[in-house]
Amino acid sequence: RGTGILLRDTYSSRHYVGKIAPIPLLLLHGTNDSVIPHSHSQTLYDLAQEPKRLILVNGGQHLNLSPFEPNYQRMLVQFFRESL
């Protein structure tokens, strides 16, 4: 059921993510995010150009991924080493 509020998507990231390359893009998203569905990150990943990486953290929430992924820091360091 709609609220009657019309939101413009002028600044929606899906309009710009394909233009980020060649800057590396890292998307991290928890599968239990109750604010933004992880499918949004998958959509952005699909629209982005290489280099890109999507990490879905099983059980991760909106702001708290590291307790759910024991290799969280290692994955970040690896991405930075490969990308920078």
N, C-alpha and C. Protein backbone atom coordinates (compact mmCIF):
# COMPACT_ATOMS: atom_id res chain seq x y z
N ARG A 1 0.84 -1.18 0.00
CA ARG A 1 0.00 0.00 0.00
C ARG A 1 0.88 1.24 0.00
N GLY A 2 0.67 2.13 -0.95
CA GLY A 2 1.49 3.34 -1.09
C GLY A 2 1.17 4.40 -0.06
N THR A 3 2.13 5.28 0.15
CA THR A 3 1.97 6.37 1.10
C THR A 3 1.52 7.65 0.42
N GLY A 4 1.51 7.65 -0.90
CA GLY A 4 1.16 8.86 -1.63
C GLY A 4 2.34 9.80 -1.80
N ILE A 5 3.51 9.43 -1.29
CA ILE A 5 4.71 10.25 -1.41
C ILE A 5 5.47 9.80 -2.64
N LEU A 6 5.77 10.74 -3.50
CA LEU A 6 6.52 10.45 -4.71
C LEU A 6 7.98 10.82 -4.47
N LEU A 7 8.86 9.85 -4.58
CA LEU A 7 10.28 10.10 -4.40
C LEU A 7 10.97 10.10 -5.76
N ARG A 8 11.71 11.16 -6.04
CA ARG A 8 12.46 11.22 -7.29
C ARG A 8 13.76 10.44 -7.11
N ASP A 9 14.19 9.79 -8.16
CA ASP A 9 15.43 9.02 -8.07
C ASP A 9 16.55 9.66 -8.88
N THR A 10 16.54 10.98 -8.97
CA THR A 10 17.54 11.72 -9.73
C THR A 10 18.96 11.35 -9.33
N TYR A 11 19.17 11.13 -8.04
CA TYR A 11 20.52 10.83 -7.54
C TYR A 11 20.70 9.36 -7.20
N SER A 12 19.88 8.53 -7.73
CA SER A 12 19.97 7.10 -7.47
C SER A 12 21.31 6.56 -7.98
N SER A 13 21.95 5.75 -7.15
CA SER A 13 23.26 5.21 -7.52
C SER A 13 23.21 4.35 -8.78
N ARG A 14 22.09 3.79 -9.10
CA ARG A 14 22.02 2.95 -10.31
C ARG A 14 22.24 3.77 -11.58
N HIS A 15 22.01 5.10 -11.50
CA HIS A 15 22.24 5.96 -12.66
C HIS A 15 23.72 6.25 -12.87
N TYR A 16 24.54 6.07 -11.86
CA TYR A 16 25.93 6.50 -11.91
C TYR A 16 26.95 5.37 -11.77
N VAL A 17 26.54 4.23 -11.25
CA VAL A 17 27.50 3.18 -10.94
C VAL A 17 28.24 2.68 -12.18
N GLY A 18 27.62 2.70 -13.32
CA GLY A 18 28.26 2.26 -14.54
C GLY A 18 29.34 3.21 -15.04
N LYS A 19 29.41 4.41 -14.46
CA LYS A 19 30.38 5.43 -14.88
C LYS A 19 31.58 5.51 -13.94
N ILE A 20 31.62 4.70 -12.91
CA ILE A 20 32.69 4.77 -11.92
C ILE A 20 34.01 4.25 -12.47
N ALA A 21 33.96 3.20 -13.27
CA ALA A 21 35.18 2.59 -13.81
C ALA A 21 36.00 3.65 -14.53
N PRO A 22 37.30 3.58 -14.41
CA PRO A 22 38.13 2.48 -13.94
C PRO A 22 38.43 2.49 -12.44
N ILE A 23 37.72 3.29 -11.69
CA ILE A 23 37.90 3.28 -10.24
C ILE A 23 37.33 1.96 -9.71
N PRO A 24 38.09 1.22 -8.89
CA PRO A 24 37.59 -0.05 -8.35
C PRO A 24 36.37 0.16 -7.46
N LEU A 25 35.42 -0.73 -7.57
CA LEU A 25 34.19 -0.66 -6.79
C LEU A 25 34.09 -1.90 -5.90
N LEU A 26 33.90 -1.66 -4.62
CA LEU A 26 33.68 -2.73 -3.66
C LEU A 26 32.32 -2.54 -3.03
N LEU A 27 31.48 -3.54 -3.15
CA LEU A 27 30.15 -3.53 -2.53
C LEU A 27 30.13 -4.60 -1.44
N LEU A 28 29.81 -4.20 -0.22
CA LEU A 28 29.68 -5.11 0.92
C LEU A 28 28.24 -5.03 1.39
N HIS A 29 27.62 -6.17 1.58
CA HIS A 29 26.22 -6.13 2.00
C HIS A 29 25.89 -7.37 2.83
N GLY A 30 25.19 -7.15 3.93
CA GLY A 30 24.74 -8.26 4.76
C GLY A 30 23.45 -8.85 4.22
N THR A 31 23.35 -10.16 4.31
CA THR A 31 22.15 -10.83 3.79
C THR A 31 20.94 -10.64 4.70
N ASN A 32 21.17 -10.19 5.94
CA ASN A 32 20.06 -9.93 6.87
C ASN A 32 19.84 -8.44 7.08
N ASP A 33 20.19 -7.64 6.10
CA ASP A 33 19.99 -6.19 6.18
C ASP A 33 18.50 -5.90 6.17
N SER A 34 18.01 -5.30 7.23
CA SER A 34 16.57 -4.99 7.32
C SER A 34 16.25 -3.59 6.80
N VAL A 35 17.27 -2.84 6.37
CA VAL A 35 17.06 -1.48 5.86
C VAL A 35 17.05 -1.46 4.33
N ILE A 36 18.06 -2.10 3.74
CA ILE A 36 18.19 -2.15 2.28
C ILE A 36 18.42 -3.60 1.88
N PRO A 37 17.58 -4.17 1.06
CA PRO A 37 17.76 -5.57 0.65
C PRO A 37 19.09 -5.75 -0.09
N HIS A 38 19.74 -6.88 0.14
CA HIS A 38 21.02 -7.12 -0.52
C HIS A 38 20.88 -7.24 -2.03
N SER A 39 19.68 -7.42 -2.51
CA SER A 39 19.47 -7.44 -3.96
C SER A 39 19.82 -6.09 -4.60
N HIS A 40 19.77 -5.02 -3.83
CA HIS A 40 20.15 -3.70 -4.35
C HIS A 40 21.64 -3.68 -4.70
N SER A 41 22.46 -4.27 -3.84
CA SER A 41 23.89 -4.34 -4.14
C SER A 41 24.14 -5.23 -5.35
N GLN A 42 23.40 -6.30 -5.49
CA GLN A 42 23.55 -7.17 -6.65
C GLN A 42 23.20 -6.41 -7.93
N THR A 43 22.15 -5.60 -7.88
CA THR A 43 21.77 -4.79 -9.04
C THR A 43 22.88 -3.81 -9.41
N LEU A 44 23.44 -3.13 -8.40
CA LEU A 44 24.53 -2.19 -8.67
C LEU A 44 25.74 -2.91 -9.24
N TYR A 45 26.05 -4.07 -8.69
CA TYR A 45 27.17 -4.86 -9.20
C TYR A 45 26.95 -5.22 -10.66
N ASP A 46 25.75 -5.64 -11.00
CA ASP A 46 25.44 -6.02 -12.38
C ASP A 46 25.57 -4.83 -13.33
N LEU A 47 25.26 -3.64 -12.86
CA LEU A 47 25.33 -2.44 -13.70
C LEU A 47 26.73 -1.86 -13.80
N ALA A 48 27.59 -2.18 -12.85
CA ALA A 48 28.94 -1.61 -12.80
C ALA A 48 29.86 -2.28 -13.81
N GLN A 49 30.91 -1.56 -14.16
CA GLN A 49 31.95 -2.08 -15.04
C GLN A 49 33.12 -2.57 -14.18
N GLU A 50 33.98 -3.38 -14.74
CA GLU A 50 35.19 -3.82 -14.05
C GLU A 50 36.13 -2.64 -13.86
N PRO A 51 36.91 -2.64 -12.80
CA PRO A 51 37.04 -3.63 -11.74
C PRO A 51 35.95 -3.46 -10.69
N LYS A 52 35.39 -4.56 -10.24
CA LYS A 52 34.31 -4.54 -9.26
C LYS A 52 34.32 -5.81 -8.46
N ARG A 53 33.80 -5.72 -7.24
CA ARG A 53 33.68 -6.91 -6.40
C ARG A 53 32.47 -6.75 -5.50
N LEU A 54 31.72 -7.82 -5.35
CA LEU A 54 30.56 -7.86 -4.46
C LEU A 54 30.82 -8.91 -3.40
N ILE A 55 30.70 -8.51 -2.14
CA ILE A 55 30.83 -9.44 -1.03
C ILE A 55 29.51 -9.42 -0.26
N LEU A 56 28.80 -10.53 -0.28
CA LEU A 56 27.59 -10.69 0.52
C LEU A 56 27.98 -11.44 1.78
N VAL A 57 27.70 -10.82 2.92
CA VAL A 57 28.07 -11.41 4.21
C VAL A 57 26.86 -12.12 4.78
N ASN A 58 26.93 -13.45 4.82
CA ASN A 58 25.82 -14.26 5.30
C ASN A 58 25.51 -13.92 6.76
N GLY A 59 24.31 -13.48 7.04
CA GLY A 59 23.88 -13.12 8.38
C GLY A 59 24.17 -11.68 8.75
N GLY A 60 24.95 -10.98 7.93
CA GLY A 60 25.30 -9.59 8.22
C GLY A 60 24.08 -8.68 8.19
N GLN A 61 24.16 -7.64 9.00
CA GLN A 61 23.07 -6.68 9.09
C GLN A 61 23.46 -5.39 8.39
N HIS A 62 22.69 -4.33 8.59
CA HIS A 62 22.91 -3.08 7.86
C HIS A 62 24.24 -2.42 8.20
N LEU A 63 24.57 -2.33 9.46
CA LEU A 63 25.78 -1.63 9.87
C LEU A 63 26.81 -2.51 10.56
N ASN A 64 26.60 -3.79 10.60
CA ASN A 64 27.45 -4.64 11.41
C ASN A 64 27.76 -5.93 10.66
N LEU A 65 28.84 -5.92 9.88
CA LEU A 65 29.19 -7.10 9.08
C LEU A 65 30.29 -7.94 9.70
N SER A 66 31.25 -7.31 10.35
CA SER A 66 32.44 -8.04 10.78
C SER A 66 32.18 -9.20 11.73
N PRO A 67 31.22 -9.15 12.67
CA PRO A 67 31.01 -10.33 13.52
C PRO A 67 30.51 -11.56 12.75
N PHE A 68 29.96 -11.34 11.57
CA PHE A 68 29.38 -12.43 10.79
C PHE A 68 30.35 -13.00 9.76
N GLU A 69 31.47 -12.33 9.57
CA GLU A 69 32.44 -12.78 8.57
C GLU A 69 33.83 -12.76 9.20
N PRO A 70 34.34 -13.93 9.58
CA PRO A 70 35.64 -13.98 10.26
C PRO A 70 36.80 -13.48 9.39
N ASN A 71 36.63 -13.49 8.08
CA ASN A 71 37.69 -13.03 7.18
C ASN A 71 37.46 -11.62 6.65
N TYR A 72 36.62 -10.86 7.34
CA TYR A 72 36.22 -9.52 6.90
C TYR A 72 37.43 -8.63 6.62
N GLN A 73 38.32 -8.50 7.59
CA GLN A 73 39.49 -7.63 7.41
C GLN A 73 40.40 -8.14 6.30
N ARG A 74 40.59 -9.44 6.23
CA ARG A 74 41.43 -10.02 5.19
C ARG A 74 40.87 -9.72 3.80
N MET A 75 39.55 -9.81 3.66
CA MET A 75 38.92 -9.53 2.37
C MET A 75 39.10 -8.07 1.98
N LEU A 76 38.99 -7.17 2.94
CA LEU A 76 39.19 -5.74 2.65
C LEU A 76 40.63 -5.47 2.22
N VAL A 77 41.57 -6.00 2.98
CA VAL A 77 42.98 -5.80 2.65
C VAL A 77 43.29 -6.37 1.27
N GLN A 78 42.77 -7.55 0.97
CA GLN A 78 42.99 -8.17 -0.33
C GLN A 78 42.43 -7.29 -1.45
N PHE A 79 41.23 -6.75 -1.26
CA PHE A 79 40.64 -5.88 -2.29
C PHE A 79 41.52 -4.65 -2.50
N PHE A 80 41.97 -4.02 -1.41
CA PHE A 80 42.80 -2.82 -1.54
C PHE A 80 44.13 -3.13 -2.22
N ARG A 81 44.73 -4.25 -1.88
CA ARG A 81 46.01 -4.63 -2.49
C ARG A 81 45.84 -4.88 -3.99
N GLU A 82 44.76 -5.53 -4.36
CA GLU A 82 44.53 -5.83 -5.78
C GLU A 82 44.13 -4.60 -6.58
N SER A 83 43.52 -3.63 -5.91
CA SER A 83 42.91 -2.51 -6.63
C SER A 83 43.73 -1.24 -6.65
N LEU A 84 44.58 -1.09 -5.66
CA LEU A 84 45.30 0.19 -5.56
C LEU A 84 46.74 0.08 -5.97
